[in-house]
Amino acid sequence: MYENYEKTLTDLKNDTHFRNIKDFNLKDEKYIYINDKKLINLSSNNYLGFADNKKITEEFLEYAGSKYSFGSASARLLTGTLPVYKDLENTICELFNKDKALIFNSGYHANVGINSSIAGKKDVIFSDKLNHASIIDGMRLSESKFFRYPHNNMQALERLLLRERKNFENAIIVSESVFSMDGDISDIEKLVELKEKYNCILILDEAHAFGVFGQNGLGITEVLGLTEKVDLIIGTFGKAIGSMGAFATGNKILIDYLINKARSFIFSTALPPINIAFSKWIIENKLPHTIEKRNKMLNIGKKAGSQSHIIPVIIGGNKETTETCNILYENGYFTLPIRPPTVPEGTSRLRLSLTTEIEEKELFDAITLAKSTK
């Protein structure tokens, strides 16, 4: 009965492609502990060290007391919207100077829900080839036509727009700002130019930039002064903020449309109020004091040849990449092999992810060790 599934799993193992869930004893802002072995964690999205931080947790719980429950027990459109949800959405609106905001349960929920609903049968989506799987899954679930243009290739995107835009009613351009596997940054200025030239809606996923880039931590659009030019900005609370959940913020019409059409929002039990309160508290009380640490982290990333705090070290084959991770493990570093389909065939890699706690020497020692195994 399960022969085909078993064969698939065997093939994955033979190709060094098999994934399993890792068991950890403990994590903190910088280290991960496995079987009493202390390792520098280079595979975390805990960019600012807020998650697993006992001092911050204790401070928040002292503030929160018993005000917030640990379960919502309802979808937002039923009885799952308490004042704290609206408070966080209003905070996001004020930060980004947007009409309205909407909280989703995760970045995946946001991208799947938005990209599956925002375009209908008569519409089209233009998506960067290296956009996250959640964006791709959302487009596949939509009833629209979609095209994936070569990564960050604005000339190719404009050729597609010239050829296809006239054939559809609504057109959406969707891109990440900081790409999760390469750490490079999209050409947002050109994306804005093309969206205006060809009358498109521009959606930008700032998941890896929110909390990290910009004076206020709002992302690449803040750095460039283009926040008002982007129709929908997506951000997550589950990375730099150290909490859980995600948001979309933008034009009131688009947010109201998502409330009525995004199935991942409509049919999901709302996040626990305690998580919502924690996200709001971090954004208002902790994020404003991180600018120097964030800049130091980004400068280390630039010295390593990246445009951001994400540094790819491309190895090539699956087996070689897994072996490199094992060597780093033996030398006190925790990294995970990134393999297809997450990245293209032949580009398996280490995705070294900085946090504000990691020192420059620690990163460069890891890179040197990884490259010496190639």
Protein backbone atom coordinates (compact mmCIF):
# COMPACT_ATOMS: atom_id res chain seq x y z
CA MET A 1 0.00 0.00 0.00
CA TYR A 2 2.83 2.43 0.84
CA GLU A 3 5.41 1.13 -1.66
CA ASN A 4 5.50 4.28 -3.81
CA TYR A 5 5.96 6.51 -0.77
CA GLU A 6 8.68 4.26 0.59
CA LYS A 7 10.48 4.31 -2.77
CA THR A 8 10.34 8.11 -2.84
CA LEU A 9 11.87 8.27 0.64
CA THR A 10 14.59 5.80 -0.35
CA ASP A 11 15.42 7.86 -3.44
CA LEU A 12 15.65 10.99 -1.29
CA LYS A 13 18.06 9.25 1.09
CA ASN A 14 20.20 7.98 -1.79
CA ASP A 15 20.43 11.50 -3.18
CA THR A 16 21.30 13.02 0.22
CA HIS A 17 17.98 14.81 -0.05
CA PHE A 18 16.15 13.31 2.91
CA ARG A 19 14.95 15.72 5.60
CA ASN A 20 14.18 15.03 9.23
CA ILE A 21 13.19 17.09 12.23
CA LYS A 22 16.10 18.04 14.46
CA ASP A 23 15.87 17.68 18.24
CA PHE A 24 17.48 20.41 20.33
CA ASN A 25 18.04 20.51 24.06
CA LEU A 26 18.04 24.29 24.28
CA LYS A 27 18.41 27.53 22.29
CA ASP A 28 19.26 31.07 23.28
CA GLU A 29 20.08 34.30 21.42
CA LYS A 30 23.32 32.93 19.96
CA TYR A 31 23.84 29.26 20.74
CA ILE A 32 22.04 26.01 20.21
CA TYR A 33 22.61 22.96 22.40
CA ILE A 34 22.47 19.42 21.00
CA ASN A 35 23.31 16.47 23.26
CA ASP A 36 25.11 18.88 25.61
CA LYS A 37 27.22 20.22 22.71
CA LYS A 38 27.25 24.04 22.55
CA LEU A 39 27.16 25.37 18.98
CA ILE A 40 27.10 28.86 17.45
CA ASN A 41 23.75 28.97 15.65
CA LEU A 42 24.16 30.16 12.04
CA SER A 43 20.78 28.83 10.85
CA SER A 44 18.41 31.05 12.80
CA ASN A 45 16.03 33.84 11.79
CA ASN A 46 16.29 35.25 15.32
CA TYR A 47 18.11 38.25 13.88
CA LEU A 48 17.84 40.56 16.89
CA GLY A 49 18.06 37.91 19.59
CA PHE A 50 14.55 38.55 20.96
CA ALA A 51 13.39 34.92 20.76
CA ASP A 52 14.63 32.54 23.48
CA ASN A 53 15.82 35.55 25.50
CA LYS A 54 14.97 34.86 29.14
CA LYS A 55 15.44 38.45 30.27
CA ILE A 56 13.07 39.79 27.59
CA THR A 57 10.54 37.03 28.28
CA GLU A 58 10.53 37.81 31.99
CA GLU A 59 10.21 41.55 31.33
CA PHE A 60 7.27 41.01 28.98
CA LEU A 61 5.45 38.63 31.32
CA GLU A 62 5.86 41.14 34.15
CA TYR A 63 4.22 43.74 31.90
CA ALA A 64 1.52 41.39 30.56
CA GLY A 65 0.52 39.72 33.81
CA SER A 66 -2.73 37.86 33.26
CA LYS A 67 -4.17 40.34 30.73
CA TYR A 68 -3.82 38.04 27.71
CA SER A 69 -4.94 34.46 27.19
CA PHE A 70 -2.94 31.68 25.55
CA GLY A 71 -5.63 30.80 23.03
CA SER A 72 -8.14 32.65 20.85
CA ALA A 73 -10.41 29.65 20.23
CA SER A 74 -11.91 31.32 17.17
CA ALA A 75 -11.24 32.74 13.73
CA ARG A 76 -10.88 36.53 13.53
CA LEU A 77 -14.20 36.93 11.72
CA LEU A 78 -16.07 35.09 14.49
CA THR A 79 -15.08 35.80 18.10
CA GLY A 80 -11.30 35.86 17.60
CA THR A 81 -10.73 39.62 17.47
CA LEU A 82 -9.95 41.14 20.84
CA PRO A 83 -8.74 44.78 21.18
CA VAL A 84 -5.06 43.74 21.18
CA TYR A 85 -5.36 42.54 17.56
CA LYS A 86 -6.68 45.89 16.39
CA ASP A 87 -4.06 47.65 18.50
CA LEU A 88 -1.25 45.81 16.73
CA GLU A 89 -2.80 46.42 13.30
CA ASN A 90 -3.13 50.12 14.12
CA THR A 91 0.51 50.20 15.25
CA ILE A 92 1.58 48.71 11.91
CA CYS A 93 -0.52 51.27 10.01
CA GLU A 94 1.04 54.14 11.92
CA LEU A 95 4.58 52.86 11.39
CA PHE A 96 4.14 52.43 7.64
CA ASN A 97 1.72 55.34 7.18
CA LYS A 98 -0.75 53.02 5.44
CA ASP A 99 -4.56 52.91 5.42
CA LYS A 100 -5.05 49.54 7.03
CA ALA A 101 -3.27 46.37 8.16
CA LEU A 102 -4.22 42.73 8.57
CA ILE A 103 -2.56 40.10 10.77
CA PHE A 104 -2.02 36.59 9.41
CA ASN A 105 -0.93 33.51 11.38
CA SER A 106 2.44 33.26 9.59
CA GLY A 107 4.32 34.53 6.58
CA TYR A 108 3.25 31.40 4.75
CA HIS A 109 -0.42 32.08 5.57
CA ALA A 110 -0.01 35.67 4.37
CA ASN A 111 1.64 34.87 1.04
CA VAL A 112 -0.58 31.91 0.23
CA GLY A 113 -3.73 33.82 1.14
CA ILE A 114 -2.79 37.02 -0.66
CA ASN A 115 -1.40 35.53 -3.87
CA SER A 116 -4.22 33.00 -4.22
CA SER A 117 -6.95 35.64 -3.84
CA ILE A 118 -5.62 38.95 -5.14
CA ALA A 119 -5.78 37.89 -8.81
CA GLY A 120 -8.73 36.23 -10.53
CA LYS A 121 -9.38 34.55 -13.88
CA LYS A 122 -8.97 37.77 -15.87
CA ASP A 123 -5.83 38.86 -14.00
CA VAL A 124 -2.10 38.14 -14.11
CA ILE A 125 0.80 37.93 -11.63
CA PHE A 126 4.46 38.61 -12.45
CA SER A 127 6.74 36.99 -9.88
CA ASP A 128 10.50 36.94 -9.36
CA LYS A 129 11.88 33.48 -10.13
CA LEU A 130 13.45 33.19 -6.67
CA ASN A 131 10.42 34.26 -4.65
CA HIS A 132 9.63 32.15 -1.59
CA ALA A 133 7.70 28.89 -1.89
CA SER A 134 4.74 30.46 -0.11
CA ILE A 135 4.37 33.01 -2.92
CA ILE A 136 4.65 30.28 -5.55
CA ASP A 137 2.06 28.12 -3.75
CA GLY A 138 -0.31 31.07 -3.54
CA MET A 139 -0.02 31.76 -7.28
CA ARG A 140 -0.62 28.09 -8.06
CA LEU A 141 -3.81 28.16 -6.01
CA SER A 142 -5.06 31.30 -7.73
CA GLU A 143 -7.26 31.30 -10.82
CA SER A 144 -4.97 33.79 -12.55
CA LYS A 145 -2.25 33.39 -15.13
CA PHE A 146 1.24 33.93 -13.73
CA PHE A 147 4.72 34.46 -15.14
CA ARG A 148 8.03 34.05 -13.28
CA TYR A 149 10.68 36.43 -14.57
CA PRO A 150 14.44 35.72 -14.19
CA HIS A 151 15.74 36.72 -10.78
CA ASN A 152 16.01 40.49 -10.35
CA ASN A 153 16.05 40.94 -14.13
CA MET A 154 14.10 44.13 -14.68
CA GLN A 155 14.63 44.07 -18.46
CA ALA A 156 13.03 40.62 -18.65
CA LEU A 157 10.16 41.78 -16.44
CA GLU A 158 9.50 44.79 -18.67
CA ARG A 159 9.52 42.59 -21.77
CA LEU A 160 6.88 40.41 -20.12
CA LEU A 161 4.82 43.45 -19.17
CA LEU A 162 5.03 44.83 -22.70
CA ARG A 163 3.88 41.52 -24.14
CA GLU A 164 1.26 40.45 -21.60
CA ARG A 165 -0.10 43.39 -19.58
CA LYS A 166 -2.64 44.42 -22.21
CA ASN A 167 -4.23 40.95 -22.15
CA PHE A 168 -5.46 41.17 -18.54
CA GLU A 169 -7.58 43.36 -16.30
CA ASN A 170 -5.51 43.55 -13.09
CA ALA A 171 -1.78 42.94 -13.06
CA ILE A 172 0.25 42.23 -9.93
CA ILE A 173 4.03 42.34 -9.54
CA VAL A 174 5.27 40.42 -6.51
CA SER A 175 8.79 40.22 -5.12
CA GLU A 176 10.72 39.73 -1.92
CA SER A 177 12.85 42.65 -0.79
CA VAL A 178 15.66 40.62 0.80
CA PHE A 179 15.75 37.20 -0.82
CA SER A 180 15.83 34.45 1.76
CA MET A 181 18.40 32.12 0.17
CA ASP A 182 20.79 34.56 -1.53
CA GLY A 183 20.59 37.54 0.80
CA ASP A 184 20.46 39.94 -2.14
CA ILE A 185 18.02 42.84 -2.49
CA SER A 186 15.45 43.43 -5.21
CA ASP A 187 15.54 46.52 -7.40
CA ILE A 188 12.58 48.15 -5.70
CA GLU A 189 13.06 51.52 -7.38
CA LYS A 190 12.70 49.87 -10.79
CA LEU A 191 9.77 47.75 -9.59
CA VAL A 192 7.97 50.92 -8.55
CA GLU A 193 8.77 52.53 -11.90
CA LEU A 194 7.39 49.52 -13.82
CA LYS A 195 4.30 49.21 -11.66
CA GLU A 196 3.44 52.85 -12.38
CA LYS A 197 4.31 52.65 -16.07
CA TYR A 198 2.18 49.55 -16.68
CA ASN A 199 -0.59 50.22 -14.14
CA CYS A 200 0.15 47.28 -11.84
CA ILE A 201 -0.29 46.51 -8.16
CA LEU A 202 3.07 46.01 -6.41
CA ILE A 203 3.32 43.53 -3.52
CA LEU A 204 6.59 43.39 -1.61
CA ASP A 205 7.47 40.72 0.94
CA GLU A 206 9.76 42.34 3.52
CA ALA A 207 9.89 39.22 5.73
CA HIS A 208 13.69 39.19 6.12
CA ALA A 209 14.02 42.98 6.11
CA PHE A 210 11.32 43.98 8.60
CA GLY A 211 12.96 44.66 11.95
CA VAL A 212 16.43 44.79 10.39
CA PHE A 213 16.69 47.53 7.72
CA GLY A 214 15.81 51.20 8.13
CA GLN A 215 15.96 53.72 10.96
CA ASN A 216 12.69 52.35 12.37
CA GLY A 217 13.28 48.77 11.21
CA LEU A 218 10.53 48.90 8.59
CA GLY A 219 12.57 47.33 5.80
CA ILE A 220 14.12 48.22 2.46
CA THR A 221 11.23 50.49 1.45
CA GLU A 222 11.99 52.68 4.45
CA VAL A 223 15.67 52.87 3.48
CA LEU A 224 14.72 53.95 -0.04
CA GLY A 225 11.83 56.21 0.97
CA LEU A 226 9.42 54.20 -1.16
CA THR A 227 6.98 52.86 1.44
CA GLU A 228 4.06 54.88 0.07
CA LYS A 229 4.72 53.63 -3.48
CA VAL A 230 4.19 49.93 -2.63
CA ASP A 231 0.55 48.81 -2.64
CA LEU A 232 0.92 45.93 -0.19
CA ILE A 233 3.85 45.36 2.16
CA ILE A 234 4.16 41.98 3.85
CA GLY A 235 6.14 41.55 7.05
CA THR A 236 6.58 38.85 9.65
CA PHE A 237 6.75 38.83 13.43
CA GLY A 238 8.42 35.41 13.42
CA LYS A 239 11.93 36.48 12.44
CA ALA A 240 13.55 39.69 13.71
CA ILE A 241 10.67 40.39 16.12
CA GLY A 242 11.12 36.96 17.73
CA SER A 243 7.39 36.27 18.00
CA MET A 244 4.85 34.64 15.68
CA GLY A 245 2.58 35.74 12.86
CA ALA A 246 2.73 38.14 9.92
CA PHE A 247 0.97 41.17 8.50
CA ALA A 248 -0.05 42.86 5.28
CA THR A 249 -0.44 46.63 5.20
CA GLY A 250 -1.56 48.91 2.40
CA ASN A 251 -4.56 50.41 0.64
CA LYS A 252 -7.87 50.01 2.52
CA ILE A 253 -9.61 48.52 -0.51
CA LEU A 254 -6.99 45.80 -0.86
CA ILE A 255 -6.98 44.95 2.87
CA ASP A 256 -10.79 44.80 2.96
CA TYR A 257 -10.66 42.57 -0.10
CA LEU A 258 -8.24 40.19 1.68
CA ILE A 259 -10.47 40.08 4.77
CA ASN A 260 -13.25 38.84 2.51
CA LYS A 261 -11.27 36.64 0.10
CA ALA A 262 -8.01 35.35 1.64
CA ARG A 263 -8.93 31.84 2.73
CA SER A 264 -5.85 31.39 4.94
CA PHE A 265 -7.12 34.34 6.99
CA ILE A 266 -10.84 33.54 6.94
CA PHE A 267 -10.58 29.87 7.90
CA SER A 268 -7.75 29.98 10.49
CA THR A 269 -8.09 30.20 14.24
CA ALA A 270 -6.53 33.49 15.31
CA LEU A 271 -3.13 33.54 16.97
CA PRO A 272 -3.11 33.55 20.78
CA PRO A 273 -3.62 37.05 22.22
CA ILE A 274 -0.41 36.66 24.26
CA ASN A 275 1.59 36.39 20.99
CA ILE A 276 -0.11 39.44 19.52
CA ALA A 277 0.65 41.43 22.66
CA PHE A 278 4.28 40.26 22.65
CA SER A 279 4.77 41.36 19.02
CA LYS A 280 3.33 44.80 19.77
CA TRP A 281 5.44 45.15 22.93
CA ILE A 282 8.67 44.19 21.12
CA ILE A 283 7.98 46.62 18.24
CA GLU A 284 7.22 49.51 20.57
CA ASN A 285 9.67 48.89 23.42
CA LYS A 286 12.67 46.94 22.10
CA LEU A 287 13.01 47.47 18.35
CA PRO A 288 13.68 51.26 18.60
CA HIS A 289 16.85 50.60 20.64
CA THR A 290 18.51 48.18 18.19
CA ILE A 291 19.74 50.52 15.45
CA GLU A 292 23.46 50.33 16.32
CA LYS A 293 23.43 46.53 16.71
CA ARG A 294 21.49 46.15 13.45
CA ASN A 295 23.92 48.33 11.54
CA LYS A 296 26.89 46.39 12.93
CA MET A 297 25.27 43.11 11.86
CA LEU A 298 24.57 44.40 8.34
CA ASN A 299 28.13 45.69 8.01
CA ILE A 300 29.48 42.24 8.88
CA GLY A 301 27.24 40.77 6.19
CA LYS A 302 28.54 43.28 3.64
CA LYS A 303 32.14 42.42 4.53
CA ALA A 304 31.26 38.81 3.78
CA GLY A 305 30.07 39.81 0.30
CA SER A 306 26.33 39.93 0.91
CA GLN A 307 23.86 42.81 0.63
CA SER A 308 22.28 41.76 3.90
CA HIS A 309 22.59 39.63 7.03
CA ILE A 310 22.09 36.44 4.99
CA ILE A 311 25.31 35.00 3.54
CA PRO A 312 25.10 32.10 1.08
CA VAL A 313 28.07 29.76 0.79
CA ILE A 314 27.35 27.69 -2.32
CA ILE A 315 28.85 24.19 -2.24
CA GLY A 316 27.10 22.55 -5.19
CA GLY A 317 26.16 18.92 -4.54
CA ASN A 318 23.83 17.64 -1.84
CA LYS A 319 26.32 15.15 -0.41
CA GLU A 320 29.17 17.67 -0.28
CA THR A 321 26.94 20.28 1.37
CA THR A 322 25.78 17.84 4.04
CA GLU A 323 29.39 16.80 4.71
CA THR A 324 30.41 20.45 5.07
CA CYS A 325 27.68 20.97 7.67
CA ASN A 326 28.99 17.95 9.58
CA ILE A 327 32.54 19.39 9.58
CA LEU A 328 31.24 22.73 10.86
CA TYR A 329 29.27 20.88 13.54
CA GLU A 330 32.42 19.18 14.77
CA ASN A 331 34.06 22.62 14.97
CA GLY A 332 31.32 24.25 17.02
CA TYR A 333 28.96 25.66 14.38
CA PHE A 334 25.37 24.70 13.70
CA THR A 335 24.41 25.02 10.03
CA LEU A 336 21.90 23.17 7.90
CA PRO A 337 22.24 22.11 4.26
CA ILE A 338 19.93 24.03 1.90
CA ARG A 339 19.09 21.76 -1.03
CA PRO A 340 16.65 21.60 -3.97
CA PRO A 341 13.79 22.38 -4.32
CA THR A 342 14.53 25.26 -1.94
CA VAL A 343 17.39 26.27 -4.27
CA PRO A 344 18.11 25.30 -7.90
CA GLU A 345 19.80 21.98 -8.69
CA GLY A 346 23.58 22.16 -8.38
CA THR A 347 23.50 25.14 -5.99
CA SER A 348 23.11 23.40 -2.63
CA ARG A 349 24.55 25.66 0.00
CA LEU A 350 24.97 26.82 3.53
CA ARG A 351 22.70 29.74 4.36
CA LEU A 352 24.65 31.52 7.06
CA SER A 353 22.24 33.71 8.94
CA LEU A 354 23.58 36.46 11.17
CA THR A 355 22.17 37.64 14.45
CA THR A 356 23.27 40.72 16.37
CA GLU A 357 25.10 38.45 18.84
CA ILE A 358 27.46 36.85 16.30
CA GLU A 359 30.91 38.38 16.01
CA GLU A 360 32.71 39.08 12.74
CA LYS A 361 35.54 36.63 13.49
CA GLU A 362 33.07 33.84 14.28
CA LEU A 363 31.37 34.29 10.91
CA PHE A 364 34.58 34.46 8.90
CA ASP A 365 36.06 31.45 10.68
CA ALA A 366 32.95 29.48 9.68
CA ILE A 367 33.15 30.68 6.06
CA THR A 368 36.86 29.82 5.84
CA LEU A 369 36.22 26.36 7.25
CA ALA A 370 33.30 25.76 4.86
CA LYS A 371 35.26 26.84 1.80
CA SER A 372 38.26 24.73 2.78
CA THR A 373 36.10 21.60 2.49
CA LYS A 374 35.03 22.27 -1.11
